[in-house]
PDB file of all heavy atoms in Angstrom:
ATOM      1  N   LEU A   1       0.802  -1.228  -0.016  1.00  0.00           N
ATOM      2  CA  LEU A   1      -0.021  -0.067  -0.035  1.00  0.00           C
ATOM      3  C   LEU A   1       0.878   1.237   0.031  1.00  0.00           C
ATOM      4  O   LEU A   1       1.740   1.415   0.833  1.00  0.00           O
ATOM      5  CB  LEU A   1      -0.807  -0.024   1.306  1.00  0.00           C
ATOM      6  CG  LEU A   1      -1.731   1.262   1.543  1.00  0.00           C
ATOM      7  CD1 LEU A   1      -2.845   1.237   0.417  1.00  0.00           C
ATOM      8  CD2 LEU A   1      -2.531   1.158   2.813  1.00  0.00           C
ATOM      9  N   ALA A   2       0.807   2.059  -0.999  1.00  0.00           N
ATOM     10  CA  ALA A   2       1.556   3.202  -1.171  1.00  0.00           C
ATOM     11  C   ALA A   2       3.066   2.902  -1.009  1.00  0.00           C
ATOM     12  O   ALA A   2       3.782   3.626  -0.343  1.00  0.00           O
ATOM     13  CB  ALA A   2       1.197   4.312  -0.184  1.00  0.00           C
ATOM     14  N   GLY A   3       3.527   1.868  -1.548  1.00  0.00           N
ATOM     15  CA  GLY A   3       4.966   1.513  -1.593  1.00  0.00           C
ATOM     16  C   GLY A   3       5.445   0.858  -0.391  1.00  0.00           C
ATOM     17  O   GLY A   3       6.680   0.536  -0.288  1.00  0.00           O
ATOM     18  N   ARG A   4       4.498   0.515   0.494  1.00  0.00           N
ATOM     19  CA  ARG A   4       4.902  -0.080   1.792  1.00  0.00           C
ATOM     20  C   ARG A   4       4.123  -1.324   2.042  1.00  0.00           C
ATOM     21  O   ARG A   4       2.955  -1.377   1.892  1.00  0.00           O
ATOM     22  CB  ARG A   4       4.779   0.918   2.898  1.00  0.00           C
ATOM     23  CG  ARG A   4       5.097   0.635   4.307  1.00  0.00           C
ATOM     24  CD  ARG A   4       4.880   1.852   5.130  1.00  0.00           C
ATOM     25  NE  ARG A   4       4.978   1.665   6.557  1.00  0.00           N
ATOM     26  CZ  ARG A   4       4.677   2.423   7.495  1.00  0.00           C
ATOM     27  NH1 ARG A   4       4.116   3.628   7.242  1.00  0.00           N
ATOM     28  NH2 ARG A   4       5.000   2.194   8.841  1.00  0.00           N
ATOM     29  N   ALA A   5       4.761  -2.384   2.621  1.00  0.00           N
ATOM     30  CA  ALA A   5       4.029  -3.708   2.909  1.00  0.00           C
ATOM     31  C   ALA A   5       2.845  -3.343   3.865  1.00  0.00           C
ATOM     32  O   ALA A   5       2.862  -2.625   4.794  1.00  0.00           O
ATOM     33  CB  ALA A   5       4.975  -4.653   3.477  1.00  0.00           C
ATOM     34  N   MET A   6       1.683  -4.054   3.395  1.00  0.00           N
ATOM     35  CA  MET A   6       0.556  -3.813   4.254  1.00  0.00           C
ATOM     36  C   MET A   6       0.747  -4.085   5.815  1.00  0.00           C
ATOM     37  O   MET A   6       0.212  -3.395   6.687  1.00  0.00           O
ATOM     38  CB  MET A   6      -0.633  -4.630   3.812  1.00  0.00           C
ATOM     39  CG  MET A   6      -1.978  -4.495   4.489  1.00  0.00           C
ATOM     40  SD  MET A   6      -2.840  -2.827   4.163  1.00  0.00           S
ATOM     41  CE  MET A   6      -3.515  -3.424   2.566  1.00  0.00           C
ATOM     42  N   THR A   7       1.478  -5.125   6.027  1.00  0.00           N
ATOM     43  CA  THR A   7       1.776  -5.530   7.417  1.00  0.00           C
ATOM     44  C   THR A   7       2.591  -4.495   8.227  1.00  0.00           C
ATOM     45  O   THR A   7       2.537  -4.596   9.459  1.00  0.00           O
ATOM     46  CB  THR A   7       2.527  -6.857   7.401  1.00  0.00           C
ATOM     47  OG1 THR A   7       3.680  -6.786   6.653  1.00  0.00           O
ATOM     48  CG2 THR A   7       1.558  -8.019   6.906  1.00  0.00           C
ATOM     49  N   GLN A   8       3.136  -3.483   7.453  1.00  0.00           N
ATOM     50  CA  GLN A   8       4.072  -2.580   8.222  1.00  0.00           C
ATOM     51  C   GLN A   8       3.246  -1.294   8.495  1.00  0.00           C
ATOM     52  O   GLN A   8       3.801  -0.391   9.204  1.00  0.00           O
ATOM     53  CB  GLN A   8       5.292  -2.270   7.360  1.00  0.00           C
ATOM     54  CG  GLN A   8       6.205  -3.438   7.108  1.00  0.00           C
ATOM     55  CD  GLN A   8       7.345  -3.085   6.208  1.00  0.00           C
ATOM     56  OE1 GLN A   8       7.495  -2.061   5.739  1.00  0.00           O
ATOM     57  NE2 GLN A   8       8.233  -4.037   6.059  1.00  0.00           N
ATOM     58  N   TRP A   9       2.059  -1.288   8.148  1.00  0.00           N
ATOM     59  CA  TRP A   9       1.217  -0.112   8.403  1.00  0.00           C
ATOM     60  C   TRP A   9       0.545  -0.188   9.752  1.00  0.00           C
ATOM     61  O   TRP A   9      -0.182  -1.065   9.891  1.00  0.00           O
ATOM     62  CB  TRP A   9       0.171   0.157   7.313  1.00  0.00           C
ATOM     63  CG  TRP A   9       0.544   0.700   5.904  1.00  0.00           C
ATOM     64  CD1 TRP A   9       1.048   0.015   4.928  1.00  0.00           C
ATOM     65  CD2 TRP A   9       0.634   2.086   5.716  1.00  0.00           C
ATOM     66  NE1 TRP A   9       1.297   0.760   3.903  1.00  0.00           N
ATOM     67  CE2 TRP A   9       1.262   2.143   4.335  1.00  0.00           C
ATOM     68  CE3 TRP A   9       0.436   3.287   6.193  1.00  0.00           C
ATOM     69  CZ2 TRP A   9       1.376   3.310   3.642  1.00  0.00           C
ATOM     70  CZ3 TRP A   9       0.788   4.396   5.644  1.00  0.00           C
ATOM     71  CH2 TRP A   9       1.118   4.493   4.306  1.00  0.00           C
ATOM     72  N   PRO A  10       0.723   0.810  10.651  1.00  0.00           N
ATOM     73  CA  PRO A  10      -0.070   0.967  11.764  1.00  0.00           C
ATOM     74  C   PRO A  10      -1.471   1.067  11.480  1.00  0.00           C
ATOM     75  O   PRO A  10      -1.806   1.637  10.491  1.00  0.00           O
ATOM     76  CB  PRO A  10       0.457   2.114  12.531  1.00  0.00           C
ATOM     77  CG  PRO A  10       1.916   2.367  12.070  1.00  0.00           C
ATOM     78  CD  PRO A  10       1.791   1.766  10.647  1.00  0.00           C
ATOM     79  N   ALA A  11      -2.461   0.566  12.289  1.00  0.00           N
ATOM     80  CA  ALA A  11      -3.862   0.491  11.836  1.00  0.00           C
ATOM     81  C   ALA A  11      -4.310   1.878  11.516  1.00  0.00           C
ATOM     82  O   ALA A  11      -5.163   2.138  10.652  1.00  0.00           O
ATOM     83  CB  ALA A  11      -4.634  -0.178  13.005  1.00  0.00           C
ATOM     84  N   ARG A  12      -4.044   2.929  12.377  1.00  0.00           N
ATOM     85  CA  ARG A  12      -4.597   4.267  12.182  1.00  0.00           C
ATOM     86  C   ARG A  12      -4.022   4.837  10.804  1.00  0.00           C
ATOM     87  O   ARG A  12      -4.788   5.460  10.136  1.00  0.00           O
ATOM     88  CB  ARG A  12      -4.310   5.176  13.281  1.00  0.00           C
ATOM     89  CG  ARG A  12      -4.924   6.578  13.067  1.00  0.00           C
ATOM     90  CD  ARG A  12      -4.786   7.338  14.412  1.00  0.00           C
ATOM     91  NE  ARG A  12      -5.027   8.773  14.003  1.00  0.00           N
ATOM     92  CZ  ARG A  12      -4.844   9.776  14.894  1.00  0.00           C
ATOM     93  NH1 ARG A  12      -4.267   9.637  16.016  1.00  0.00           N
ATOM     94  NH2 ARG A  12      -5.088  11.009  14.521  1.00  0.00           N
ATOM     95  N   ASP A  13      -2.754   4.629  10.644  1.00  0.00           N
ATOM     96  CA  ASP A  13      -2.208   5.157   9.398  1.00  0.00           C
ATOM     97  C   ASP A  13      -2.857   4.515   8.162  1.00  0.00           C
ATOM     98  O   ASP A  13      -3.017   5.148   7.131  1.00  0.00           O
ATOM     99  CB  ASP A  13      -0.668   5.005   9.467  1.00  0.00           C
ATOM    100  CG  ASP A  13       0.010   5.788  10.463  1.00  0.00           C
ATOM    101  OD1 ASP A  13      -0.647   6.785  10.921  1.00  0.00           O
ATOM    102  OD2 ASP A  13       1.248   5.493  10.692  1.00  0.00           O
ATOM    103  N   ARG A  14      -2.995   3.091   8.168  1.00  0.00           N
ATOM    104  CA  ARG A  14      -3.537   2.533   7.198  1.00  0.00           C
ATOM    105  C   ARG A  14      -4.984   2.997   6.877  1.00  0.00           C
ATOM    106  O   ARG A  14      -5.393   3.054   5.763  1.00  0.00           O
ATOM    107  CB  ARG A  14      -3.621   1.064   7.471  1.00  0.00           C
ATOM    108  CG  ARG A  14      -4.151   0.049   6.228  1.00  0.00           C
ATOM    109  CD  ARG A  14      -4.230  -1.269   6.730  1.00  0.00           C
ATOM    110  NE  ARG A  14      -5.328  -1.574   7.713  1.00  0.00           N
ATOM    111  CZ  ARG A  14      -5.410  -2.722   8.473  1.00  0.00           C
ATOM    112  NH1 ARG A  14      -4.318  -3.532   8.520  1.00  0.00           N
ATOM    113  NH2 ARG A  14      -6.366  -2.732   9.354  1.00  0.00           N
ATOM    114  N   ALA A  15      -5.699   3.303   7.808  1.00  0.00           N
ATOM    115  CA  ALA A  15      -7.089   3.798   7.797  1.00  0.00           C
ATOM    116  C   ALA A  15      -7.225   5.149   7.200  1.00  0.00           C
ATOM    117  O   ALA A  15      -8.248   5.496   6.584  1.00  0.00           O
ATOM    118  CB  ALA A  15      -7.741   3.829   9.182  1.00  0.00           C
ATOM    119  N   ARG A  16      -6.144   5.983   7.164  1.00  0.00           N
ATOM    120  CA  ARG A  16      -6.105   7.141   6.426  1.00  0.00           C
ATOM    121  C   ARG A  16      -5.666   7.047   4.927  1.00  0.00           C
ATOM    122  O   ARG A  16      -6.078   7.860   4.129  1.00  0.00           O
ATOM    123  CB  ARG A  16      -5.094   8.171   7.086  1.00  0.00           C
ATOM    124  CG  ARG A  16      -5.487   8.770   8.343  1.00  0.00           C
ATOM    125  CD  ARG A  16      -4.608   9.908   8.792  1.00  0.00           C
ATOM    126  NE  ARG A  16      -3.150   9.366   9.046  1.00  0.00           N
ATOM    127  CZ  ARG A  16      -2.781   9.201  10.285  1.00  0.00           C
ATOM    128  NH1 ARG A  16      -3.432   9.397  11.327  1.00  0.00           N
ATOM    129  NH2 ARG A  16      -1.467   8.851  10.420  1.00  0.00           N
ATOM    130  N   GLN A  17      -5.158   5.861   4.685  1.00  0.00           N
ATOM    131  CA  GLN A  17      -4.745   5.431   3.218  1.00  0.00           C
ATOM    132  C   GLN A  17      -5.894   4.724   2.516  1.00  0.00           C
ATOM    133  O   GLN A  17      -5.907   4.705   1.294  1.00  0.00           O
ATOM    134  CB  GLN A  17      -3.499   4.748   3.204  1.00  0.00           C
ATOM    135  CG  GLN A  17      -2.260   5.522   3.673  1.00  0.00           C
ATOM    136  CD  GLN A  17      -1.779   6.585   2.765  1.00  0.00           C
ATOM    137  OE1 GLN A  17      -1.894   6.433   1.592  1.00  0.00           O
ATOM    138  NE2 GLN A  17      -1.486   7.820   3.279  1.00  0.00           N
ATOM    139  N   LEU A  18      -6.733   4.009   3.238  1.00  0.00           N
ATOM    140  CA  LEU A  18      -7.592   3.019   2.534  1.00  0.00           C
ATOM    141  C   LEU A  18      -8.889   3.065   3.316  1.00  0.00           C
ATOM    142  O   LEU A  18      -8.942   2.846   4.543  1.00  0.00           O
ATOM    143  CB  LEU A  18      -6.876   1.646   2.676  1.00  0.00           C
ATOM    144  CG  LEU A  18      -7.594   0.485   1.971  1.00  0.00           C
ATOM    145  CD1 LEU A  18      -6.605  -0.561   1.611  1.00  0.00           C
ATOM    146  CD2 LEU A  18      -8.652  -0.103   2.564  1.00  0.00           C
ATOM    147  N   ALA A  19      -9.970   3.421   2.555  1.00  0.00           N
ATOM    148  CA  ALA A  19     -11.294   3.318   3.146  1.00  0.00           C
ATOM    149  C   ALA A  19     -11.994   2.162   2.592  1.00  0.00           C
ATOM    150  O   ALA A  19     -11.844   1.655   1.470  1.00  0.00           O
ATOM    151  CB  ALA A  19     -12.046   4.620   2.644  1.00  0.00           C
ATOM    152  N   TRP A  20     -12.929   1.581   3.303  1.00  0.00           N
ATOM    153  CA  TRP A  20     -13.618   0.306   3.087  1.00  0.00           C
ATOM    154  C   TRP A  20     -15.005   0.325   3.414  1.00  0.00           C
ATOM    155  O   TRP A  20     -15.476   0.884   4.385  1.00  0.00           O
ATOM    156  CB  TRP A  20     -12.967  -0.665   3.989  1.00  0.00           C
ATOM    157  CG  TRP A  20     -13.699  -1.930   4.287  1.00  0.00           C
ATOM    158  CD1 TRP A  20     -14.378  -2.177   5.376  1.00  0.00           C
ATOM    159  CD2 TRP A  20     -13.868  -3.236   3.445  1.00  0.00           C
ATOM    160  NE1 TRP A  20     -15.008  -3.548   5.245  1.00  0.00           N
ATOM    161  CE2 TRP A  20     -14.516  -4.170   4.098  1.00  0.00           C
ATOM    162  CE3 TRP A  20     -13.198  -3.457   2.129  1.00  0.00           C
ATOM    163  CZ2 TRP A  20     -14.913  -5.290   3.571  1.00  0.00           C
ATOM    164  CZ3 TRP A  20     -13.621  -4.655   1.662  1.00  0.00           C
ATOM    165  CH2 TRP A  20     -14.393  -5.667   2.218  1.00  0.00           C
ATOM    166  N   LEU A  21     -15.874  -0.140   2.547  1.00  0.00           N
ATOM    167  CA  LEU A  21     -17.303  -0.272   2.766  1.00  0.00           C
ATOM    168  C   LEU A  21     -17.611  -1.839   2.627  1.00  0.00           C
ATOM    169  O   LEU A  21     -17.401  -2.339   1.445  1.00  0.00           O
ATOM    170  CB  LEU A  21     -18.198   0.541   1.767  1.00  0.00           C
ATOM    171  CG  LEU A  21     -19.702   0.242   1.879  1.00  0.00           C
ATOM    172  CD1 LEU A  21     -20.124   0.857   3.296  1.00  0.00           C
ATOM    173  CD2 LEU A  21     -20.448   1.034   0.674  1.00  0.00           C
ATOM    174  N   SER A  22     -18.079  -2.463   3.634  1.00  0.00           N
ATOM    175  CA  SER A  22     -18.377  -3.916   3.626  1.00  0.00           C
ATOM    176  C   SER A  22     -19.648  -4.113   2.978  1.00  0.00           C
ATOM    177  O   SER A  22     -20.550  -3.246   2.929  1.00  0.00           O
ATOM    178  CB  SER A  22     -18.291  -4.537   4.963  1.00  0.00           C
ATOM    179  OG  SER A  22     -19.437  -4.153   5.750  1.00  0.00           O
ATOM    180  N   GLN A  23     -19.902  -5.503   2.544  1.00  0.00           N
ATOM    181  CA  GLN A  23     -21.134  -5.871   1.959  1.00  0.00           C
ATOM    182  C   GLN A  23     -22.211  -5.741   2.987  1.00  0.00           C
ATOM    183  O   GLN A  23     -23.346  -5.373   2.600  1.00  0.00           O
ATOM    184  CB  GLN A  23     -20.975  -7.280   1.503  1.00  0.00           C
ATOM    185  CG  GLN A  23     -22.173  -7.818   0.627  1.00  0.00           C
ATOM    186  CD  GLN A  23     -21.800  -9.274   0.021  1.00  0.00           C
ATOM    187  OE1 GLN A  23     -21.018 -10.027   0.639  1.00  0.00           O
ATOM    188  NE2 GLN A  23     -22.432  -9.625  -1.013  1.00  0.00           N
ATOM    189  N   GLN A  24     -22.041  -6.083   4.223  1.00  0.00           N
ATOM    190  CA  GLN A  24     -23.014  -5.973   5.209  1.00  0.00           C
ATOM    191  C   GLN A  24     -23.312  -4.534   5.655  1.00  0.00           C
ATOM    192  O   GLN A  24     -24.430  -4.297   6.384  1.00  0.00           O
ATOM    193  CB  GLN A  24     -22.523  -6.856   6.445  1.00  0.00           C
ATOM    194  CG  GLN A  24     -22.510  -8.329   6.210  1.00  0.00           C
ATOM    195  CD  GLN A  24     -21.314  -8.706   5.390  1.00  0.00           C
ATOM    196  OE1 GLN A  24     -20.280  -8.090   5.461  1.00  0.00           O
ATOM    197  NE2 GLN A  24     -21.443  -9.835   4.779  1.00  0.00           N
ATOM    198  N   GLY A  25     -22.479  -3.633   5.445  1.00  0.00           N
ATOM    199  CA  GLY A  25     -22.667  -2.143   5.866  1.00  0.00           C
ATOM    200  C   GLY A  25     -22.745  -2.108   7.372  1.00  0.00           C
ATOM    201  O   GLY A  25     -23.696  -1.899   7.896  1.00  0.00           O
ATOM    202  N   GLU A  26     -21.508  -2.230   8.060  1.00  0.00           N
ATOM    203  CA  GLU A  26     -21.405  -2.311   9.396  1.00  0.00           C
ATOM    204  C   GLU A  26     -21.735  -0.899  10.115  1.00  0.00           C
ATOM    205  O   GLU A  26     -21.011   0.048   9.814  1.00  0.00           O
ATOM    206  CB  GLU A  26     -20.063  -2.900   9.933  1.00  0.00           C
ATOM    207  CG  GLU A  26     -18.833  -1.956   9.664  1.00  0.00           C
ATOM    208  CD  GLU A  26     -18.442  -1.778   8.182  1.00  0.00           C
ATOM    209  OE1 GLU A  26     -17.829  -2.581   7.535  1.00  0.00           O
ATOM    210  OE2 GLU A  26     -18.934  -0.664   7.671  1.00  0.00           O
ATOM    211  N   ALA A  27     -22.758  -0.861  10.886  1.00  0.00           N
ATOM    212  CA  ALA A  27     -23.108   0.314  11.726  1.00  0.00           C
ATOM    213  C   ALA A  27     -24.378   0.143  12.321  1.00  0.00           C
ATOM    214  O   ALA A  27     -25.220  -0.261  11.627  1.00  0.00           O
ATOM    215  CB  ALA A  27     -23.130   1.578  10.931  1.00  0.00           C
ATOM    216  N   GLU A  28     -24.551   0.140  13.715  1.00  0.00           N
ATOM    217  CA  GLU A  28     -25.710  -0.058  14.397  1.00  0.00           C
ATOM    218  C   GLU A  28     -25.871   1.140  15.387  1.00  0.00           C
ATOM    219  O   GLU A  28     -25.098   1.975  15.640  1.00  0.00           O
ATOM    220  CB  GLU A  28     -25.506  -1.384  15.107  1.00  0.00           C
ATOM    221  CG  GLU A  28     -25.283  -2.612  14.314  1.00  0.00           C
ATOM    222  CD  GLU A  28     -26.467  -2.922  13.349  1.00  0.00           C
ATOM    223  OE1 GLU A  28     -27.595  -2.460  13.706  1.00  0.00           O
ATOM    224  OE2 GLU A  28     -26.270  -3.602  12.382  1.00  0.00           O
ATOM    225  N   GLY A  29     -27.116   1.059  16.020  1.00  0.00           N
ATOM    226  CA  GLY A  29     -27.381   1.984  17.048  1.00  0.00           C
ATOM    227  C   GLY A  29     -28.225   3.111  16.660  1.00  0.00           C
ATOM    228  O   GLY A  29     -28.452   3.345  15.515  1.00  0.00           O
ATOM    229  N   ASP A  30     -28.685   3.814  17.694  1.00  0.00           N
ATOM    230  CA  ASP A  30     -29.630   5.004  17.584  1.00  0.00           C
ATOM    231  C   ASP A  30     -28.718   6.152  17.390  1.00  0.00           C
ATOM    232  O   ASP A  30     -28.688   7.122  18.290  1.00  0.00           O
ATOM    233  CB  ASP A  30     -30.511   5.059  18.724  1.00  0.00           C
ATOM    234  CG  ASP A  30     -31.614   5.970  18.527  1.00  0.00           C
ATOM    235  OD1 ASP A  30     -32.091   6.150  17.432  1.00  0.00           O
ATOM    236  OD2 ASP A  30     -32.041   6.708  19.392  1.00  0.00           O
ATOM    237  N   ILE A  31     -27.881   6.349  16.332  1.00  0.00           N
ATOM    238  CA  ILE A  31     -27.035   7.398  16.052  1.00  0.00           C
ATOM    239  C   ILE A  31     -27.423   8.342  14.880  1.00  0.00           C
ATOM    240  O   ILE A  31     -28.015   7.747  13.952  1.00  0.00           O
ATOM    241  CB  ILE A  31     -25.483   6.873  15.851  1.00  0.00           C
ATOM    242  CG1 ILE A  31     -24.578   8.035  15.619  1.00  0.00           C
ATOM    243  CG2 ILE A  31     -25.554   5.970  14.719  1.00  0.00           C
ATOM    244  CD1 ILE A  31     -23.262   7.453  15.659  1.00  0.00           C
ATOM    245  N   ALA A  32     -27.271   9.588  14.963  1.00  0.00           N
ATOM    246  CA  ALA A  32     -27.678  10.460  13.975  1.00  0.00           C
ATOM    247  C   ALA A  32     -26.803  10.228  12.660  1.00  0.00           C
ATOM    248  O   ALA A  32     -25.682   9.993  12.752  1.00  0.00           O
ATOM    249  CB  ALA A  32     -27.665  11.970  14.435  1.00  0.00           C
ATOM    250  N   VAL A  33     -27.585  10.469  11.541  1.00  0.00           N
ATOM    251  CA  VAL A  33     -26.780  10.245  10.179  1.00  0.00           C
ATOM    252  C   VAL A  33     -25.601  11.134  10.119  1.00  0.00           C
ATOM    253  O   VAL A  33     -24.480  10.514   9.789  1.00  0.00           O
ATOM    254  CB  VAL A  33     -27.722  10.461   9.140  1.00  0.00           C
ATOM    255  CG1 VAL A  33     -26.970  10.750   7.880  1.00  0.00           C
ATOM    256  CG2 VAL A  33     -28.730   9.394   8.946  1.00  0.00           C
ATOM    257  N   ALA A  34     -25.671  12.362  10.504  1.00  0.00           N
ATOM    258  CA  ALA A  34     -24.495  13.105  10.304  1.00  0.00           C
ATOM    259  C   ALA A  34     -23.409  12.727  11.290  1.00  0.00           C
ATOM    260  O   ALA A  34     -22.171  12.799  10.817  1.00  0.00           O
ATOM    261  CB  ALA A  34     -24.744  14.592  10.792  1.00  0.00           C
ATOM    262  N   ASP A  35     -23.663  12.111  12.330  1.00  0.00           N
ATOM    263  CA  ASP A  35     -22.540  11.535  13.310  1.00  0.00           C
ATOM    264  C   ASP A  35     -21.944  10.362  12.711  1.00  0.00           C
ATOM    265  O   ASP A  35     -20.787  10.058  12.911  1.00  0.00           O
ATOM    266  CB  ASP A  35     -23.134  11.353  14.680  1.00  0.00           C
ATOM    267  CG  ASP A  35     -23.505  12.621  15.447  1.00  0.00           C
ATOM    268  OD1 ASP A  35     -22.754  13.642  15.114  1.00  0.00           O
ATOM    269  OD2 ASP A  35     -24.367  12.544  16.277  1.00  0.00           O
ATOM    270  N   VAL A  36     -22.764   9.471  12.096  1.00  0.00           N
ATOM    271  CA  VAL A  36     -22.302   8.418  11.398  1.00  0.00           C
ATOM    272  C   VAL A  36     -21.188   8.686  10.340  1.00  0.00           C
ATOM    273  O   VAL A  36     -20.065   8.197  10.243  1.00  0.00           O
ATOM    274  CB  VAL A  36     -23.368   7.550  10.662  1.00  0.00           C
ATOM    275  CG1 VAL A  36     -22.751   6.369   9.804  1.00  0.00           C
ATOM    276  CG2 VAL A  36     -24.338   7.042  11.781  1.00  0.00           C
ATOM    277  N   VAL A  37     -21.455   9.723   9.526  1.00  0.00           N
ATOM    278  CA  VAL A  37     -20.618  10.229   8.486  1.00  0.00           C
ATOM    279  C   VAL A  37     -19.329  10.900   9.116  1.00  0.00           C
ATOM    280  O   VAL A  37     -18.182  10.660   8.548  1.00  0.00           O
ATOM    281  CB  VAL A  37     -21.290  11.188   7.449  1.00  0.00           C
ATOM    282  CG1 VAL A  37     -20.374  11.589   6.466  1.00  0.00           C
ATOM    283  CG2 VAL A  37     -22.627  10.562   6.898  1.00  0.00           C
ATOM    284  N   ARG A  38     -19.547  11.448  10.329  1.00  0.00           N
ATOM    285  CA  ARG A  38     -18.444  12.116  10.859  1.00  0.00           C
ATOM    286  C   ARG A  38     -17.321  11.139  11.426  1.00  0.00           C
ATOM    287  O   ARG A  38     -16.186  11.460  11.563  1.00  0.00           O
ATOM    288  CB  ARG A  38     -18.778  12.874  12.111  1.00  0.00           C
ATOM    289  CG  ARG A  38     -19.526  14.293  11.653  1.00  0.00           C
ATOM    290  CD  ARG A  38     -19.983  15.113  12.903  1.00  0.00           C
ATOM    291  NE  ARG A  38     -20.656  16.278  12.276  1.00  0.00           N
ATOM    292  CZ  ARG A  38     -21.930  16.474  12.642  1.00  0.00           C
ATOM    293  NH1 ARG A  38     -22.641  15.695  13.427  1.00  0.00           N
ATOM    294  NH2 ARG A  38     -22.528  17.528  12.226  1.00  0.00           N
TER     295      ARG A  38
END
């Protein structure tokens, strides 16, 4: 990923480089839409 082995990326740094949307669409609870996007 970006020239660096995936296993060498700390989780938070990787999360800034790669966004993911799963098939199941993970998110639950009584949370406002704007807060979900935030």
